[in-house]
């Protein structure tokens, strides 16, 4: 069964595909990916990901628009940020990026509109 955050992320990704202007670029960062194999194989895969730049705590999604980096961390209604995510949030904001924790597609839409992204369409009519 899919985790609540996975269900939310799929809904947000579908929304971004429909509603962001073509001048935006967005992407998911698979920090929560489930690795395959036994303990040794998973360890080797994680070491390779870290060695090639995967940063613990990176936001689930990022959007780039008009030279601005926008990080979005998705959480279920009861989800909490961990220390790596708090550090990533601080580093992104210090570097001049924007960051938000969102718990629904509505919150993602509100955040993106608040920071000035021209959105096409709406979640609900």
C-alpha atoms as a PDB file:
ATOM      1  CA  UNK A   1       0.000   0.000   0.000  1.00  0.00           C
ATOM      2  CA  UNK A   2       1.253   3.470  -0.882  1.00  0.00           C
ATOM      3  CA  UNK A   3       2.257   5.810   1.915  1.00  0.00           C
ATOM      4  CA  UNK A   4       0.116   8.972   2.376  1.00  0.00           C
ATOM      5  CA  UNK A   5       3.056  11.167   1.318  1.00  0.00           C
ATOM      6  CA  UNK A   6       3.489   9.135  -1.897  1.00  0.00           C
ATOM      7  CA  UNK A   7      -0.203   9.614  -2.733  1.00  0.00           C
ATOM      8  CA  UNK A   8       0.119  13.353  -2.024  1.00  0.00           C
ATOM      9  CA  UNK A   9       3.275  13.630  -4.141  1.00  0.00           C
ATOM     10  CA  UNK A  10       1.602  11.973  -7.131  1.00  0.00           C
ATOM     11  CA  UNK A  11      -1.349  14.378  -6.856  1.00  0.00           C
ATOM     12  CA  UNK A  12       1.002  17.388  -6.606  1.00  0.00           C
ATOM     13  CA  UNK A  13       3.051  16.192  -9.604  1.00  0.00           C
ATOM     14  CA  UNK A  14      -0.129  15.808 -11.669  1.00  0.00           C
ATOM     15  CA  UNK A  15      -1.161  19.321 -10.604  1.00  0.00           C
ATOM     16  CA  UNK A  16       2.231  20.847 -11.510  1.00  0.00           C
ATOM     17  CA  UNK A  17       2.124  19.215 -14.945  1.00  0.00           C
ATOM     18  CA  UNK A  18      -1.297  20.761 -15.583  1.00  0.00           C
ATOM     19  CA  UNK A  19      -0.890  24.180 -14.040  1.00  0.00           C
ATOM     20  CA  UNK A  20       2.689  25.463 -14.258  1.00  0.00           C
ATOM     21  CA  UNK A  21       3.596  27.691 -17.204  1.00  0.00           C
ATOM     22  CA  UNK A  22       6.050  26.346 -19.775  1.00  0.00           C
ATOM     23  CA  UNK A  23       8.664  28.836 -18.491  1.00  0.00           C
ATOM     24  CA  UNK A  24       8.925  26.755 -15.293  1.00  0.00           C
ATOM     25  CA  UNK A  25      11.027  23.684 -14.698  1.00  0.00           C
ATOM     26  CA  UNK A  26      10.155  21.303 -11.896  1.00  0.00           C
ATOM     27  CA  UNK A  27      11.469  17.956 -10.732  1.00  0.00           C
ATOM     28  CA  UNK A  28      11.115  15.464  -7.899  1.00  0.00           C
ATOM     29  CA  UNK A  29      14.107  14.457  -5.793  1.00  0.00           C
ATOM     30  CA  UNK A  30      13.800  10.760  -4.860  1.00  0.00           C
ATOM     31  CA  UNK A  31      15.253  10.941  -1.339  1.00  0.00           C
ATOM     32  CA  UNK A  32      12.570   8.542  -0.106  1.00  0.00           C
ATOM     33  CA  UNK A  33      13.094   5.954  -2.839  1.00  0.00           C
ATOM     34  CA  UNK A  34      12.882   2.330  -1.801  1.00  0.00           C
ATOM     35  CA  UNK A  35      16.062   0.570  -2.810  1.00  0.00           C
ATOM     36  CA  UNK A  36      16.136  -3.005  -4.080  1.00  0.00           C
ATOM     37  CA  UNK A  37      18.030  -6.069  -2.895  1.00  0.00           C
ATOM     38  CA  UNK A  38      19.366  -7.166   0.434  1.00  0.00           C
ATOM     39  CA  UNK A  39      20.987  -5.024   3.109  1.00  0.00           C
ATOM     40  CA  UNK A  40      24.409  -5.072   1.397  1.00  0.00           C
ATOM     41  CA  UNK A  41      22.973  -4.151  -2.032  1.00  0.00           C
ATOM     42  CA  UNK A  42      20.834  -1.353  -0.567  1.00  0.00           C
ATOM     43  CA  UNK A  43      23.882   0.002   1.266  1.00  0.00           C
ATOM     44  CA  UNK A  44      25.902   0.007  -1.944  1.00  0.00           C
ATOM     45  CA  UNK A  45      23.085   1.767  -3.819  1.00  0.00           C
ATOM     46  CA  UNK A  46      22.732   4.423  -1.104  1.00  0.00           C
ATOM     47  CA  UNK A  47      26.504   5.003  -1.021  1.00  0.00           C
ATOM     48  CA  UNK A  48      26.491   5.510  -4.798  1.00  0.00           C
ATOM     49  CA  UNK A  49      23.571   7.960  -4.561  1.00  0.00           C
ATOM     50  CA  UNK A  50      25.340   9.962  -1.838  1.00  0.00           C
ATOM     51  CA  UNK A  51      28.647   9.902  -3.746  1.00  0.00           C
ATOM     52  CA  UNK A  52      26.913  11.252  -6.834  1.00  0.00           C
ATOM     53  CA  UNK A  53      25.248  14.140  -5.023  1.00  0.00           C
ATOM     54  CA  UNK A  54      22.077  13.014  -3.266  1.00  0.00           C
ATOM     55  CA  UNK A  55      21.766  15.231  -0.195  1.00  0.00           C
ATOM     56  CA  UNK A  56      19.838  14.037   2.863  1.00  0.00           C
ATOM     57  CA  UNK A  57      16.909  16.342   3.582  1.00  0.00           C
ATOM     58  CA  UNK A  58      16.579  17.757   0.056  1.00  0.00           C
ATOM     59  CA  UNK A  59      12.973  18.850  -0.587  1.00  0.00           C
ATOM     60  CA  UNK A  60      10.661  16.391  -2.330  1.00  0.00           C
ATOM     61  CA  UNK A  61      10.116  18.755  -5.269  1.00  0.00           C
ATOM     62  CA  UNK A  62      11.731  21.835  -6.677  1.00  0.00           C
ATOM     63  CA  UNK A  63      10.487  24.418  -9.129  1.00  0.00           C
ATOM     64  CA  UNK A  64      12.647  26.924 -10.965  1.00  0.00           C
ATOM     65  CA  UNK A  65      10.945  30.008 -12.303  1.00  0.00           C
ATOM     66  CA  UNK A  66      12.432  33.320 -13.383  1.00  0.00           C
ATOM     67  CA  UNK A  67      15.795  32.447 -11.827  1.00  0.00           C
ATOM     68  CA  UNK A  68      14.291  31.481  -8.467  1.00  0.00           C
ATOM     69  CA  UNK A  69      14.665  28.115  -6.764  1.00  0.00           C
ATOM     70  CA  UNK A  70      11.557  26.966  -4.930  1.00  0.00           C
ATOM     71  CA  UNK A  71      11.765  23.878  -2.713  1.00  0.00           C
ATOM     72  CA  UNK A  72       8.634  22.042  -1.597  1.00  0.00           C
ATOM     73  CA  UNK A  73       8.690  19.436   1.159  1.00  0.00           C
ATOM     74  CA  UNK A  74       5.538  17.324   1.219  1.00  0.00           C
ATOM     75  CA  UNK A  75       4.217  15.945   4.494  1.00  0.00           C
ATOM     76  CA  UNK A  76       1.108  14.036   5.484  1.00  0.00           C
ATOM     77  CA  UNK A  77      -1.213  15.653   8.016  1.00  0.00           C
ATOM     78  CA  UNK A  78       0.781  14.099  10.860  1.00  0.00           C
ATOM     79  CA  UNK A  79       4.236  14.113   9.196  1.00  0.00           C
ATOM     80  CA  UNK A  80       7.125  15.964  10.818  1.00  0.00           C
ATOM     81  CA  UNK A  81      10.365  17.293   9.381  1.00  0.00           C
ATOM     82  CA  UNK A  82      13.587  15.638  10.471  1.00  0.00           C
ATOM     83  CA  UNK A  83      16.897  17.347  11.279  1.00  0.00           C
ATOM     84  CA  UNK A  84      18.271  16.891   7.730  1.00  0.00           C
ATOM     85  CA  UNK A  85      15.150  18.507   6.261  1.00  0.00           C
ATOM     86  CA  UNK A  86      15.402  21.440   8.700  1.00  0.00           C
ATOM     87  CA  UNK A  87      19.060  21.954   7.731  1.00  0.00           C
ATOM     88  CA  UNK A  88      18.193  21.790   4.023  1.00  0.00           C
ATOM     89  CA  UNK A  89      15.415  24.360   4.514  1.00  0.00           C
ATOM     90  CA  UNK A  90      17.832  26.714   6.293  1.00  0.00           C
ATOM     91  CA  UNK A  91      20.545  26.278   3.629  1.00  0.00           C
ATOM     92  CA  UNK A  92      18.090  26.853   0.768  1.00  0.00           C
ATOM     93  CA  UNK A  93      16.788  30.062   2.326  1.00  0.00           C
ATOM     94  CA  UNK A  94      20.278  31.343   3.171  1.00  0.00           C
ATOM     95  CA  UNK A  95      21.244  30.708  -0.476  1.00  0.00           C
ATOM     96  CA  UNK A  96      18.311  32.872  -1.610  1.00  0.00           C
ATOM     97  CA  UNK A  97      15.829  30.131  -2.456  1.00  0.00           C
ATOM     98  CA  UNK A  98      12.278  29.735  -1.268  1.00  0.00           C
ATOM     99  CA  UNK A  99      11.047  26.770   0.746  1.00  0.00           C
ATOM    100  CA  UNK A 100       7.757  25.540   2.129  1.00  0.00           C
ATOM    101  CA  UNK A 101       6.340  22.479   3.823  1.00  0.00           C
ATOM    102  CA  UNK A 102       2.988  21.621   2.238  1.00  0.00           C
ATOM    103  CA  UNK A 103       0.403  19.075   3.350  1.00  0.00           C
ATOM    104  CA  UNK A 104      -2.015  19.227   0.410  1.00  0.00           C
ATOM    105  CA  UNK A 105      -2.259  20.200  -3.237  1.00  0.00           C
ATOM    106  CA  UNK A 106      -4.181  23.297  -2.105  1.00  0.00           C
ATOM    107  CA  UNK A 107      -1.222  24.345   0.075  1.00  0.00           C
ATOM    108  CA  UNK A 108       1.185  23.855  -2.834  1.00  0.00           C
ATOM    109  CA  UNK A 109      -1.044  25.984  -5.068  1.00  0.00           C
ATOM    110  CA  UNK A 110      -1.354  28.713  -2.413  1.00  0.00           C
ATOM    111  CA  UNK A 111       2.409  28.777  -1.814  1.00  0.00           C
ATOM    112  CA  UNK A 112       3.256  28.977  -5.525  1.00  0.00           C
ATOM    113  CA  UNK A 113       0.719  31.745  -6.105  1.00  0.00           C
ATOM    114  CA  UNK A 114       2.011  33.601  -3.015  1.00  0.00           C
ATOM    115  CA  UNK A 115       5.572  33.609  -4.405  1.00  0.00           C
ATOM    116  CA  UNK A 116       4.349  34.945  -7.742  1.00  0.00           C
ATOM    117  CA  UNK A 117       4.132  31.974 -10.080  1.00  0.00           C
ATOM    118  CA  UNK A 118       1.536  32.440 -12.795  1.00  0.00           C
ATOM    119  CA  UNK A 119      -0.557  29.284 -12.489  1.00  0.00           C
ATOM    120  CA  UNK A 120      -2.886  28.016 -15.187  1.00  0.00           C
ATOM    121  CA  UNK A 121      -6.137  26.564 -13.949  1.00  0.00           C
ATOM    122  CA  UNK A 122      -7.091  25.820 -10.409  1.00  0.00           C
ATOM    123  CA  UNK A 123      -7.618  22.768  -8.316  1.00  0.00           C
ATOM    124  CA  UNK A 124     -11.289  23.364  -7.782  1.00  0.00           C
ATOM    125  CA  UNK A 125     -13.604  25.457  -9.918  1.00  0.00           C
END
